[in-house]
Amino acid sequence: MKVCIYGAGAIGGWIGSALARAGCRVSVVARGATLAALQRHGLRLREGDSVTAQAVASSAAPADFGVQDLVVLALKAPALPEAARQIAPLLGPDTVVLTAMNGVPWWFLQGFGGALAGQQLSSVDPGGALAQAIAARHIVGGVVHASCSVVEPGLVQHHFGQRLILGEPSGEKTQRVRQLAALFEQAGFEAPVSEQIQKDIWFKLWGNMTVNPVSALTGATTDLILNDELVRGFISRVMLEAKDIGARIGIPIEQQPEDRHQVTRKLGAFKTSMLQDVEAGKPVELDALVGAVRELGQLSSVDTPFTDALLGLARLQAQVRGLY
């Protein structure tokens, strides 16, 4: 099976390494130091004290690889517009594009959403460029529940978790999504097929959309954020707004904010991915994590004053730093 990993960061590197071990013909779109490391050492993965290296094809130009059976989009949202401009050579009539990213994807309301079904989200796809470049028929959604980090270019550390939820935007358990799940199971993942992948995306987002931007604003690790009563209360109000939106559009959340806070506390003191991006001077994915929630609130007639405040403050800070 020909698989292209588009985005050789922590999650992309982890997925690509596992699929290469499982016998897939893996190629990686990368550039700069990461591309140089892949060409010199292969795609390296550290698990515990063990480091493995997989020989993969690598290039900054997707056209070098040709049509693929599977393209794994494992990019941060700000990098998607450039990918959309270059992805065409990878796509044939039957190519599956698996999105393995945080936040609300551009295709979120495809095959779902009641009165909102099919609407374009301008916060994550202004002008519809992504939808035009990657036709809806290619998309399978993915939700990653694992912790990985980049040790150095081309070397990924896998910390914990093996779960990758898969699902068609329509919710159908098609032959292709079942085959994809079987491939990932063979590669060592837990890969359940969801009946409503949007709900899985929304539930993961429910925690990420708050602690990520708050950590970026304050520089605090998650334990310090949740230990501050006022900050925790503010976060809970944002989460309740998102919960109301989910109930309106058909993805209800049964938990209360405090239930999710307890889960986050068990992970200990850690830096969120957005805080790591700020510290590294990388663009932040506020639109996919917060902006899309605000837009969905507007579309579903849910007032979001706390979400608005969080987005405004985080966006302003990122703009001042040149990261948005």
C-alpha atoms as a PDB file:
ATOM      1  CA  MET A   1       0.000   0.000   0.000  1.00  0.00           C
ATOM      2  CA  LYS A   2       1.347   3.421  -0.968  1.00  0.00           C
ATOM      3  CA  VAL A   3       1.073   5.837   1.956  1.00  0.00           C
ATOM      4  CA  CYS A   4       2.194   9.459   2.054  1.00  0.00           C
ATOM      5  CA  ILE A   5       2.656  11.221   5.392  1.00  0.00           C
ATOM      6  CA  TYR A   6       2.034  14.934   4.914  1.00  0.00           C
ATOM      7  CA  GLY A   7       3.521  16.540   8.019  1.00  0.00           C
ATOM      8  CA  ALA A   8       6.510  14.799   9.582  1.00  0.00           C
ATOM      9  CA  GLY A   9       6.011  16.111  13.106  1.00  0.00           C
ATOM     10  CA  ALA A  10       5.258  14.111  16.233  1.00  0.00           C
ATOM     11  CA  ILE A  11       2.011  12.442  15.173  1.00  0.00           C
ATOM     12  CA  GLY A  12       2.902  12.104  11.502  1.00  0.00           C
ATOM     13  CA  GLY A  13       6.253  10.555  12.348  1.00  0.00           C
ATOM     14  CA  TRP A  14       4.668   8.110  14.774  1.00  0.00           C
ATOM     15  CA  ILE A  15       2.009   6.998  12.284  1.00  0.00           C
ATOM     16  CA  GLY A  16       4.460   6.799   9.390  1.00  0.00           C
ATOM     17  CA  SER A  17       6.939   4.714  11.341  1.00  0.00           C
ATOM     18  CA  ALA A  18       4.275   2.209  12.363  1.00  0.00           C
ATOM     19  CA  LEU A  19       2.877   1.881   8.825  1.00  0.00           C
ATOM     20  CA  ALA A  20       6.372   1.395   7.400  1.00  0.00           C
ATOM     21  CA  ARG A  21       7.000  -1.396   9.918  1.00  0.00           C
ATOM     22  CA  ALA A  22       3.702  -2.971   8.827  1.00  0.00           C
ATOM     23  CA  GLY A  23       4.952  -3.195   5.248  1.00  0.00           C
ATOM     24  CA  CYS A  24       3.473  -0.087   3.654  1.00  0.00           C
ATOM     25  CA  ARG A  25       5.461   1.823   1.064  1.00  0.00           C
ATOM     26  CA  VAL A  26       5.780   5.091   2.977  1.00  0.00           C
ATOM     27  CA  SER A  27       6.773   8.477   1.625  1.00  0.00           C
ATOM     28  CA  VAL A  28       7.024  11.691   3.630  1.00  0.00           C
ATOM     29  CA  VAL A  29       6.554  15.306   2.581  1.00  0.00           C
ATOM     30  CA  ALA A  30       9.051  17.353   4.587  1.00  0.00           C
ATOM     31  CA  ARG A  31      11.474  20.219   4.200  1.00  0.00           C
ATOM     32  CA  GLY A  32      14.469  21.870   5.827  1.00  0.00           C
ATOM     33  CA  ALA A  33      16.199  20.076   8.673  1.00  0.00           C
ATOM     34  CA  THR A  34      13.518  17.384   8.861  1.00  0.00           C
ATOM     35  CA  LEU A  35      13.960  16.484   5.194  1.00  0.00           C
ATOM     36  CA  ALA A  36      17.729  16.332   5.592  1.00  0.00           C
ATOM     37  CA  ALA A  37      17.395  14.071   8.649  1.00  0.00           C
ATOM     38  CA  LEU A  38      14.965  11.723   6.868  1.00  0.00           C
ATOM     39  CA  GLN A  39      17.288  11.407   3.875  1.00  0.00           C
ATOM     40  CA  ARG A  40      20.255  10.691   6.111  1.00  0.00           C
ATOM     41  CA  HIS A  41      18.780   8.506   8.865  1.00  0.00           C
ATOM     42  CA  GLY A  42      15.308   7.440   7.756  1.00  0.00           C
ATOM     43  CA  LEU A  43      12.228   7.981   9.906  1.00  0.00           C
ATOM     44  CA  ARG A  44      13.230   7.322  13.502  1.00  0.00           C
ATOM     45  CA  LEU A  45      10.954   6.473  16.427  1.00  0.00           C
ATOM     46  CA  ARG A  46      11.973   6.187  20.077  1.00  0.00           C
ATOM     47  CA  GLU A  47       9.844   4.052  22.394  1.00  0.00           C
ATOM     48  CA  GLY A  48      11.308   3.759  25.865  1.00  0.00           C
ATOM     49  CA  ASP A  49      15.050   3.250  25.375  1.00  0.00           C
ATOM     50  CA  SER A  50      14.680   1.680  21.936  1.00  0.00           C
ATOM     51  CA  VAL A  51      15.111   3.625  18.678  1.00  0.00           C
ATOM     52  CA  THR A  52      14.050   2.163  15.345  1.00  0.00           C
ATOM     53  CA  ALA A  53      14.628   3.652  11.894  1.00  0.00           C
ATOM     54  CA  GLN A  54      12.509   3.061   8.801  1.00  0.00           C
ATOM     55  CA  ALA A  55      13.728   3.800   5.283  1.00  0.00           C
ATOM     56  CA  VAL A  56      11.182   6.105   3.626  1.00  0.00           C
ATOM     57  CA  ALA A  57      11.081   8.197   0.485  1.00  0.00           C
ATOM     58  CA  SER A  58      11.182  11.900   1.330  1.00  0.00           C
ATOM     59  CA  SER A  59      10.864  15.125  -0.604  1.00  0.00           C
ATOM     60  CA  ALA A  60       9.587  18.669  -0.288  1.00  0.00           C
ATOM     61  CA  ALA A  61       7.614  18.153  -3.515  1.00  0.00           C
ATOM     62  CA  PRO A  62       4.562  15.845  -3.370  1.00  0.00           C
ATOM     63  CA  ALA A  63       4.745  15.503  -7.158  1.00  0.00           C
ATOM     64  CA  ASP A  64       7.830  13.317  -6.642  1.00  0.00           C
ATOM     65  CA  PHE A  65       5.667  10.539  -5.149  1.00  0.00           C
ATOM     66  CA  GLY A  66       2.694  10.271  -7.504  1.00  0.00           C
ATOM     67  CA  VAL A  67      -0.777   8.962  -6.703  1.00  0.00           C
ATOM     68  CA  GLN A  68      -1.163   7.331  -3.273  1.00  0.00           C
ATOM     69  CA  ASP A  69      -3.593   4.866  -1.735  1.00  0.00           C
ATOM     70  CA  LEU A  70      -3.582   6.810   1.550  1.00  0.00           C
ATOM     71  CA  VAL A  71      -2.490  10.340   2.440  1.00  0.00           C
ATOM     72  CA  VAL A  72      -2.217  11.094   6.168  1.00  0.00           C
ATOM     73  CA  LEU A  73      -2.602  14.807   6.849  1.00  0.00           C
ATOM     74  CA  ALA A  74      -0.812  15.301  10.179  1.00  0.00           C
ATOM     75  CA  LEU A  75      -0.208  19.035   9.942  1.00  0.00           C
ATOM     76  CA  LYS A  76      -0.975  21.913  12.248  1.00  0.00           C
ATOM     77  CA  ALA A  77      -3.929  23.861  10.859  1.00  0.00           C
ATOM     78  CA  PRO A  78      -1.884  26.954   9.794  1.00  0.00           C
ATOM     79  CA  ALA A  79       0.095  24.744   7.380  1.00  0.00           C
ATOM     80  CA  LEU A  80      -2.969  23.403   5.560  1.00  0.00           C
ATOM     81  CA  PRO A  81      -3.360  26.150   2.910  1.00  0.00           C
ATOM     82  CA  GLU A  82       0.118  25.456   1.531  1.00  0.00           C
ATOM     83  CA  ALA A  83      -0.553  21.707   1.576  1.00  0.00           C
ATOM     84  CA  ALA A  84      -3.791  22.261  -0.335  1.00  0.00           C
ATOM     85  CA  ARG A  85      -1.868  24.015  -3.091  1.00  0.00           C
ATOM     86  CA  GLN A  86       0.535  21.071  -3.489  1.00  0.00           C
ATOM     87  CA  ILE A  87      -1.509  17.945  -2.739  1.00  0.00           C
ATOM     88  CA  ALA A  88      -3.091  17.292  -6.149  1.00  0.00           C
ATOM     89  CA  PRO A  89      -0.351  14.941  -7.504  1.00  0.00           C
ATOM     90  CA  LEU A  90      -0.980  12.579  -4.574  1.00  0.00           C
ATOM     91  CA  LEU A  91      -4.704  12.187  -5.220  1.00  0.00           C
ATOM     92  CA  GLY A  92      -6.229   9.602  -7.531  1.00  0.00           C
ATOM     93  CA  PRO A  93      -9.918   8.682  -7.794  1.00  0.00           C
ATOM     94  CA  ASP A  94      -9.731   6.227  -4.870  1.00  0.00           C
ATOM     95  CA  THR A  95      -7.133   7.931  -2.640  1.00  0.00           C
ATOM     96  CA  VAL A  96      -8.171   8.192   1.023  1.00  0.00           C
ATOM     97  CA  VAL A  97      -7.117  11.364   2.856  1.00  0.00           C
ATOM     98  CA  LEU A  98      -6.996  10.741   6.607  1.00  0.00           C
ATOM     99  CA  THR A  99      -7.015  13.916   8.707  1.00  0.00           C
ATOM    100  CA  ALA A 100      -5.110  13.358  11.963  1.00  0.00           C
ATOM    101  CA  MET A 101      -5.133  16.867  13.395  1.00  0.00           C
ATOM    102  CA  ASN A 102      -6.403  18.783  16.400  1.00  0.00           C
ATOM    103  CA  GLY A 103      -9.459  20.986  16.316  1.00  0.00           C
ATOM    104  CA  VAL A 104     -12.411  21.359  13.969  1.00  0.00           C
ATOM    105  CA  PRO A 105     -11.537  20.311  10.394  1.00  0.00           C
ATOM    106  CA  TRP A 106     -12.800  22.127   7.313  1.00  0.00           C
ATOM    107  CA  TRP A 107     -15.069  19.168   6.405  1.00  0.00           C
ATOM    108  CA  PHE A 108     -16.752  19.036   9.845  1.00  0.00           C
ATOM    109  CA  LEU A 109     -20.298  19.738   8.591  1.00  0.00           C
ATOM    110  CA  GLN A 110     -20.137  17.272   5.693  1.00  0.00           C
ATOM    111  CA  GLY A 111     -22.739  14.518   6.135  1.00  0.00           C
ATOM    112  CA  PHE A 112     -23.723  15.906   9.525  1.00  0.00           C
ATOM    113  CA  GLY A 113     -25.084  18.931  11.353  1.00  0.00           C
ATOM    114  CA  GLY A 114     -28.827  19.047  10.793  1.00  0.00           C
ATOM    115  CA  ALA A 115     -29.748  22.478   9.468  1.00  0.00           C
ATOM    116  CA  LEU A 116     -26.016  23.292   9.241  1.00  0.00           C
ATOM    117  CA  ALA A 117     -25.123  20.210   7.167  1.00  0.00           C
ATOM    118  CA  GLY A 118     -22.816  20.984   4.275  1.00  0.00           C
ATOM    119  CA  GLN A 119     -22.020  24.531   5.351  1.00  0.00           C
ATOM    120  CA  GLN A 120     -18.486  25.778   4.911  1.00  0.00           C
ATOM    121  CA  LEU A 121     -16.642  27.027   8.007  1.00  0.00           C
ATOM    122  CA  SER A 122     -14.868  30.199   6.988  1.00  0.00           C
ATOM    123  CA  SER A 123     -12.822  30.246  10.208  1.00  0.00           C
ATOM    124  CA  VAL A 124     -10.897  27.138   9.118  1.00  0.00           C
ATOM    125  CA  ASP A 125     -11.352  27.303   5.336  1.00  0.00           C
ATOM    126  CA  PRO A 126     -11.689  30.930   4.212  1.00  0.00           C
ATOM    127  CA  GLY A 127     -12.775  31.026   0.599  1.00  0.00           C
ATOM    128  CA  GLY A 128     -13.226  27.253   0.467  1.00  0.00           C
ATOM    129  CA  ALA A 129      -9.700  26.544  -0.808  1.00  0.00           C
ATOM    130  CA  LEU A 130      -9.294  23.345   1.234  1.00  0.00           C
ATOM    131  CA  ALA A 131     -12.665  21.928   0.185  1.00  0.00           C
ATOM    132  CA  GLN A 132     -11.849  22.655  -3.430  1.00  0.00           C
ATOM    133  CA  ALA A 133      -8.369  21.087  -3.283  1.00  0.00           C
ATOM    134  CA  ILE A 134      -9.442  17.935  -1.384  1.00  0.00           C
ATOM    135  CA  ALA A 135     -12.834  16.740  -2.538  1.00  0.00           C
ATOM    136  CA  ALA A 136     -15.153  15.481   0.190  1.00  0.00           C
ATOM    137  CA  ARG A 137     -15.199  11.955  -1.258  1.00  0.00           C
ATOM    138  CA  HIS A 138     -11.528  11.485  -0.268  1.00  0.00           C
ATOM    139  CA  ILE A 139     -11.958  12.300   3.432  1.00  0.00           C
ATOM    140  CA  VAL A 140     -11.855   9.922   6.386  1.00  0.00           C
ATOM    141  CA  GLY A 141     -11.666  11.563   9.799  1.00  0.00           C
ATOM    142  CA  GLY A 142      -9.192  10.565  12.479  1.00  0.00           C
ATOM    143  CA  VAL A 143      -8.904  11.406  16.179  1.00  0.00           C
ATOM    144  CA  VAL A 144      -5.570  10.654  17.818  1.00  0.00           C
ATOM    145  CA  HIS A 145      -5.370   9.722  21.498  1.00  0.00           C
ATOM    146  CA  ALA A 146      -1.617   9.428  22.031  1.00  0.00           C
ATOM    147  CA  SER A 147       1.265  11.529  23.296  1.00  0.00           C
ATOM    148  CA  CYS A 148       4.297  12.032  21.053  1.00  0.00           C
ATOM    149  CA  SER A 149       6.956  14.712  20.744  1.00  0.00           C
ATOM    150  CA  VAL A 150       9.760  15.619  18.355  1.00  0.00           C
ATOM    151  CA  VAL A 151      13.150  15.069  20.006  1.00  0.00           C
ATOM    152  CA  GLU A 152      15.031  16.463  16.993  1.00  0.00           C
ATOM    153  CA  PRO A 153      14.215  16.671  13.285  1.00  0.00           C
ATOM    154  CA  GLY A 154      13.251  13.231  12.021  1.00  0.00           C
ATOM    155  CA  LEU A 155      13.250  11.631  15.512  1.00  0.00           C
ATOM    156  CA  VAL A 156       9.905  11.186  17.290  1.00  0.00           C
ATOM    157  CA  GLN A 157       9.427  10.103  20.904  1.00  0.00           C
ATOM    158  CA  HIS A 158       6.272   8.078  21.583  1.00  0.00           C
ATOM    159  CA  HIS A 159       5.245   8.576  25.213  1.00  0.00           C
ATOM    160  CA  PHE A 160       1.933   6.757  25.611  1.00  0.00           C
ATOM    161  CA  GLY A 161      -1.316   5.877  23.872  1.00  0.00           C
ATOM    162  CA  GLN A 162      -2.039   3.836  20.737  1.00  0.00           C
ATOM    163  CA  ARG A 163      -5.598   4.903  19.950  1.00  0.00           C
ATOM    164  CA  LEU A 164      -6.621   6.295  16.561  1.00  0.00           C
ATOM    165  CA  ILE A 165     -10.385   6.583  16.063  1.00  0.00           C
ATOM    166  CA  LEU A 166     -11.476   6.481  12.408  1.00  0.00           C
ATOM    167  CA  GLY A 167     -14.739   7.497  10.794  1.00  0.00           C
ATOM    168  CA  GLU A 168     -16.437   8.531   7.589  1.00  0.00           C
ATOM    169  CA  PRO A 169     -17.925  12.049   7.761  1.00  0.00           C
ATOM    170  CA  SER A 170     -21.278  10.447   6.892  1.00  0.00           C
ATOM    171  CA  GLY A 171     -21.038   7.959   9.754  1.00  0.00           C
ATOM    172  CA  GLU A 172     -21.291   4.986   7.392  1.00  0.00           C
ATOM    173  CA  LYS A 173     -19.108   1.973   8.147  1.00  0.00           C
ATOM    174  CA  THR A 174     -17.905   1.664   4.577  1.00  0.00           C
ATOM    175  CA  GLN A 175     -15.631  -1.039   3.262  1.00  0.00           C
ATOM    176  CA  ARG A 176     -12.763   1.433   2.908  1.00  0.00           C
ATOM    177  CA  VAL A 177     -12.920   2.642   6.511  1.00  0.00           C
ATOM    178  CA  ARG A 178     -13.094  -0.957   7.775  1.00  0.00           C
ATOM    179  CA  GLN A 179     -10.062  -1.824   5.639  1.00  0.00           C
ATOM    180  CA  LEU A 180      -8.237   1.236   6.937  1.00  0.00           C
ATOM    181  CA  ALA A 181      -8.988   0.224  10.529  1.00  0.00           C
ATOM    182  CA  ALA A 182      -7.667  -3.267   9.809  1.00  0.00           C
ATOM    183  CA  LEU A 183      -4.448  -1.793   8.422  1.00  0.00           C
ATOM    184  CA  PHE A 184      -3.913   0.327  11.514  1.00  0.00           C
ATOM    185  CA  GLU A 185      -4.714  -2.599  13.812  1.00  0.00           C
ATOM    186  CA  GLN A 186      -2.110  -4.638  11.931  1.00  0.00           C
ATOM    187  CA  ALA A 187       0.367  -1.786  12.510  1.00  0.00           C
ATOM    188  CA  GLY A 188      -0.200  -1.921  16.277  1.00  0.00           C
ATOM    189  CA  PHE A 189      -2.834   0.767  16.813  1.00  0.00           C
ATOM    190  CA  GLU A 190      -6.176   0.562  18.544  1.00  0.00           C
ATOM    191  CA  ALA A 191      -8.341   1.704  15.626  1.00  0.00           C
ATOM    192  CA  PRO A 192     -12.077   1.620  16.347  1.00  0.00           C
ATOM    193  CA  VAL A 193     -14.485   2.812  13.652  1.00  0.00           C
ATOM    194  CA  SER A 194     -16.780   5.567  14.905  1.00  0.00           C
ATOM    195  CA  GLU A 195     -20.429   5.918  13.983  1.00  0.00           C
ATOM    196  CA  GLN A 196     -20.074   9.699  14.341  1.00  0.00           C
ATOM    197  CA  ILE A 197     -16.492  10.914  14.032  1.00  0.00           C
ATOM    198  CA  GLN A 198     -17.592  14.521  14.563  1.00  0.00           C
ATOM    199  CA  LYS A 199     -18.603  13.647  18.133  1.00  0.00           C
ATOM    200  CA  ASP A 200     -15.157  12.165  18.810  1.00  0.00           C
ATOM    201  CA  ILE A 201     -13.532  15.303  17.365  1.00  0.00           C
ATOM    202  CA  TRP A 202     -15.773  17.546  19.471  1.00  0.00           C
ATOM    203  CA  PHE A 203     -15.147  15.642  22.690  1.00  0.00           C
ATOM    204  CA  LYS A 204     -11.377  15.834  22.298  1.00  0.00           C
ATOM    205  CA  LEU A 205     -11.663  19.511  21.395  1.00  0.00           C
ATOM    206  CA  TRP A 206     -13.738  20.153  24.510  1.00  0.00           C
ATOM    207  CA  GLY A 207     -10.603  20.014  26.640  1.00  0.00           C
ATOM    208  CA  ASN A 208      -8.032  21.242  24.096  1.00  0.00           C
ATOM    209  CA  MET A 209      -9.827  24.454  23.164  1.00  0.00           C
ATOM    210  CA  THR A 210      -9.351  25.933  26.645  1.00  0.00           C
ATOM    211  CA  VAL A 211      -6.100  24.823  28.260  1.00  0.00           C
ATOM    212  CA  ASN A 212      -4.153  25.288  25.009  1.00  0.00           C
ATOM    213  CA  PRO A 213      -4.815  29.025  24.526  1.00  0.00           C
ATOM    214  CA  VAL A 214      -4.752  29.742  28.271  1.00  0.00           C
ATOM    215  CA  SER A 215      -1.333  28.106  28.510  1.00  0.00           C
ATOM    216  CA  ALA A 216      -0.161  30.117  25.509  1.00  0.00           C
ATOM    217  CA  LEU A 217      -1.341  33.329  27.170  1.00  0.00           C
ATOM    218  CA  THR A 218       0.135  32.616  30.590  1.00  0.00           C
ATOM    219  CA  GLY A 219       3.074  30.272  30.003  1.00  0.00           C
ATOM    220  CA  ALA A 220       1.599  27.977  32.660  1.00  0.00           C
ATOM    221  CA  THR A 221       1.552  24.199  32.687  1.00  0.00           C
ATOM    222  CA  THR A 222      -1.838  22.518  32.963  1.00  0.00           C
ATOM    223  CA  ASP A 223      -1.582  21.793  36.684  1.00  0.00           C
ATOM    224  CA  LEU A 224      -1.087  25.495  37.486  1.00  0.00           C
ATOM    225  CA  ILE A 225      -3.974  26.450  35.203  1.00  0.00           C
ATOM    226  CA  LEU A 226      -6.400  24.079  36.930  1.00  0.00           C
ATOM    227  CA  ASN A 227      -5.147  24.944  40.414  1.00  0.00           C
ATOM    228  CA  ASP A 228      -6.224  28.579  39.984  1.00  0.00           C
ATOM    229  CA  GLU A 229      -9.872  28.751  40.988  1.00  0.00           C
ATOM    230  CA  LEU A 230     -10.672  31.804  38.865  1.00  0.00           C
ATOM    231  CA  VAL A 231      -8.960  30.481  35.741  1.00  0.00           C
ATOM    232  CA  ARG A 232     -10.580  27.074  36.162  1.00  0.00           C
ATOM    233  CA  GLY A 233     -13.961  28.773  36.497  1.00  0.00           C
ATOM    234  CA  PHE A 234     -13.377  30.765  33.311  1.00  0.00           C
ATOM    235  CA  ILE A 235     -12.370  27.617  31.444  1.00  0.00           C
ATOM    236  CA  SER A 236     -15.498  25.848  32.658  1.00  0.00           C
ATOM    237  CA  ARG A 237     -17.693  28.638  31.288  1.00  0.00           C
ATOM    238  CA  VAL A 238     -16.055  28.322  27.865  1.00  0.00           C
ATOM    239  CA  MET A 239     -16.632  24.558  27.970  1.00  0.00           C
ATOM    240  CA  LEU A 240     -20.302  25.019  28.853  1.00  0.00           C
ATOM    241  CA  GLU A 241     -20.730  27.239  25.796  1.00  0.00           C
ATOM    242  CA  ALA A 242     -19.177  24.531  23.610  1.00  0.00           C
ATOM    243  CA  LYS A 243     -21.401  21.944  25.271  1.00  0.00           C
ATOM    244  CA  ASP A 244     -24.485  24.002  24.357  1.00  0.00           C
ATOM    245  CA  ILE A 245     -23.307  24.257  20.743  1.00  0.00           C
ATOM    246  CA  GLY A 246     -22.757  20.505  20.563  1.00  0.00           C
ATOM    247  CA  ALA A 247     -26.265  19.831  21.865  1.00  0.00           C
ATOM    248  CA  ARG A 248     -27.714  22.136  19.203  1.00  0.00           C
ATOM    249  CA  ILE A 249     -25.943  20.481  16.269  1.00  0.00           C
ATOM    250  CA  GLY A 250     -26.265  16.841  17.302  1.00  0.00           C
ATOM    251  CA  ILE A 251     -23.081  16.012  19.225  1.00  0.00           C
ATOM    252  CA  PRO A 252     -24.108  16.203  22.894  1.00  0.00           C
ATOM    253  CA  ILE A 253     -21.526  15.824  25.657  1.00  0.00           C
ATOM    254  CA  GLU A 254     -22.748  13.992  28.749  1.00  0.00           C
ATOM    255  CA  GLN A 255     -19.923  15.103  31.059  1.00  0.00           C
ATOM    256  CA  GLN A 256     -19.563  18.337  33.002  1.00  0.00           C
ATOM    257  CA  PRO A 257     -16.422  20.508  32.808  1.00  0.00           C
ATOM    258  CA  GLU A 258     -15.207  19.312  36.198  1.00  0.00           C
ATOM    259  CA  ASP A 259     -15.209  15.725  34.927  1.00  0.00           C
ATOM    260  CA  ARG A 260     -12.773  16.690  32.164  1.00  0.00           C
ATOM    261  CA  HIS A 261     -10.644  18.732  34.598  1.00  0.00           C
ATOM    262  CA  GLN A 262     -10.127  15.598  36.679  1.00  0.00           C
ATOM    263  CA  VAL A 263      -8.912  13.698  33.600  1.00  0.00           C
ATOM    264  CA  THR A 264      -6.503  16.512  32.718  1.00  0.00           C
ATOM    265  CA  ARG A 265      -5.148  16.610  36.271  1.00  0.00           C
ATOM    266  CA  LYS A 266      -4.157  12.936  36.020  1.00  0.00           C
ATOM    267  CA  LEU A 267      -1.746  13.823  33.212  1.00  0.00           C
ATOM    268  CA  GLY A 268       0.325  15.895  35.634  1.00  0.00           C
ATOM    269  CA  ALA A 269       2.236  19.102  34.906  1.00  0.00           C
ATOM    270  CA  PHE A 270       2.719  19.348  31.160  1.00  0.00           C
ATOM    271  CA  LYS A 271       3.124  21.999  28.512  1.00  0.00           C
ATOM    272  CA  THR A 272       0.375  22.037  25.928  1.00  0.00           C
ATOM    273  CA  SER A 273       1.230  21.846  22.245  1.00  0.00           C
ATOM    274  CA  MET A 274       0.180  25.478  21.771  1.00  0.00           C
ATOM    275  CA  LEU A 275       2.503  26.673  24.535  1.00  0.00           C
ATOM    276  CA  GLN A 276       5.317  24.695  22.920  1.00  0.00           C
ATOM    277  CA  ASP A 277       4.524  26.383  19.591  1.00  0.00           C
ATOM    278  CA  VAL A 278       4.598  29.849  21.181  1.00  0.00           C
ATOM    279  CA  GLU A 279       7.928  29.145  22.843  1.00  0.00           C
ATOM    280  CA  ALA A 280       9.321  27.867  19.524  1.00  0.00           C
ATOM    281  CA  GLY A 281       8.013  30.880  17.595  1.00  0.00           C
ATOM    282  CA  LYS A 282       5.662  28.755  15.467  1.00  0.00           C
ATOM    283  CA  PRO A 283       2.185  29.806  14.219  1.00  0.00           C
ATOM    284  CA  VAL A 284      -0.644  28.842  16.573  1.00  0.00           C
ATOM    285  CA  GLU A 285      -3.769  26.969  15.478  1.00  0.00           C
ATOM    286  CA  LEU A 286      -6.326  29.207  17.168  1.00  0.00           C
ATOM    287  CA  ASP A 287      -8.818  29.092  14.307  1.00  0.00           C
ATOM    288  CA  ALA A 288      -9.265  25.309  14.437  1.00  0.00           C
ATOM    289  CA  LEU A 289      -9.370  25.149  18.243  1.00  0.00           C
ATOM    290  CA  VAL A 290     -11.351  28.270  19.177  1.00  0.00           C
ATOM    291  CA  GLY A 291     -12.365  30.287  16.129  1.00  0.00           C
ATOM    292  CA  ALA A 292     -14.393  27.421  14.665  1.00  0.00           C
ATOM    293  CA  VAL A 293     -16.246  26.984  17.963  1.00  0.00           C
ATOM    294  CA  ARG A 294     -17.190  30.654  17.913  1.00  0.00           C
ATOM    295  CA  GLU A 295     -18.384  30.357  14.319  1.00  0.00           C
ATOM    296  CA  LEU A 296     -20.446  27.254  15.110  1.00  0.00           C
ATOM    297  CA  GLY A 297     -21.983  29.214  17.988  1.00  0.00           C
ATOM    298  CA  GLN A 298     -22.993  31.981  15.617  1.00  0.00           C
ATOM    299  CA  LEU A 299     -24.447  29.493  13.120  1.00  0.00           C
ATOM    300  CA  SER A 300     -26.430  27.668  15.817  1.00  0.00           C
ATOM    301  CA  SER A 301     -27.572  30.824  17.707  1.00  0.00           C
ATOM    302  CA  VAL A 302     -25.606  30.110  20.898  1.00  0.00           C
ATOM    303  CA  ASP A 303     -24.117  33.146  22.645  1.00  0.00           C
ATOM    304  CA  THR A 304     -20.387  32.651  23.351  1.00  0.00           C
ATOM    305  CA  PRO A 305     -19.095  35.614  25.398  1.00  0.00           C
ATOM    306  CA  PHE A 306     -16.469  33.547  27.240  1.00  0.00           C
ATOM    307  CA  THR A 307     -15.262  31.844  24.052  1.00  0.00           C
ATOM    308  CA  ASP A 308     -15.108  35.269  22.380  1.00  0.00           C
ATOM    309  CA  ALA A 309     -12.959  36.637  25.201  1.00  0.00           C
ATOM    310  CA  LEU A 310     -10.599  33.668  25.074  1.00  0.00           C
ATOM    311  CA  LEU A 311     -10.224  33.918  21.310  1.00  0.00           C
ATOM    312  CA  GLY A 312      -9.716  37.671  21.350  1.00  0.00           C
ATOM    313  CA  LEU A 313      -7.029  37.628  24.029  1.00  0.00           C
ATOM    314  CA  ALA A 314      -5.154  34.632  22.607  1.00  0.00           C
ATOM    315  CA  ARG A 315      -5.357  36.007  19.063  1.00  0.00           C
ATOM    316  CA  LEU A 316      -4.051  39.413  20.122  1.00  0.00           C
ATOM    317  CA  GLN A 317      -1.124  37.892  21.981  1.00  0.00           C
ATOM    318  CA  ALA A 318      -0.276  35.713  18.969  1.00  0.00           C
ATOM    319  CA  GLN A 319      -0.506  38.682  16.599  1.00  0.00           C
ATOM    320  CA  VAL A 320       1.854  40.719  18.772  1.00  0.00           C
ATOM    321  CA  ARG A 321       4.355  37.834  18.637  1.00  0.00           C
ATOM    322  CA  GLY A 322       3.918  37.418  14.883  1.00  0.00           C
ATOM    323  CA  LEU A 323       2.415  33.952  15.299  1.00  0.00           C
ATOM    324  CA  TYR A 324      -1.060  34.546  13.839  1.00  0.00           C
END
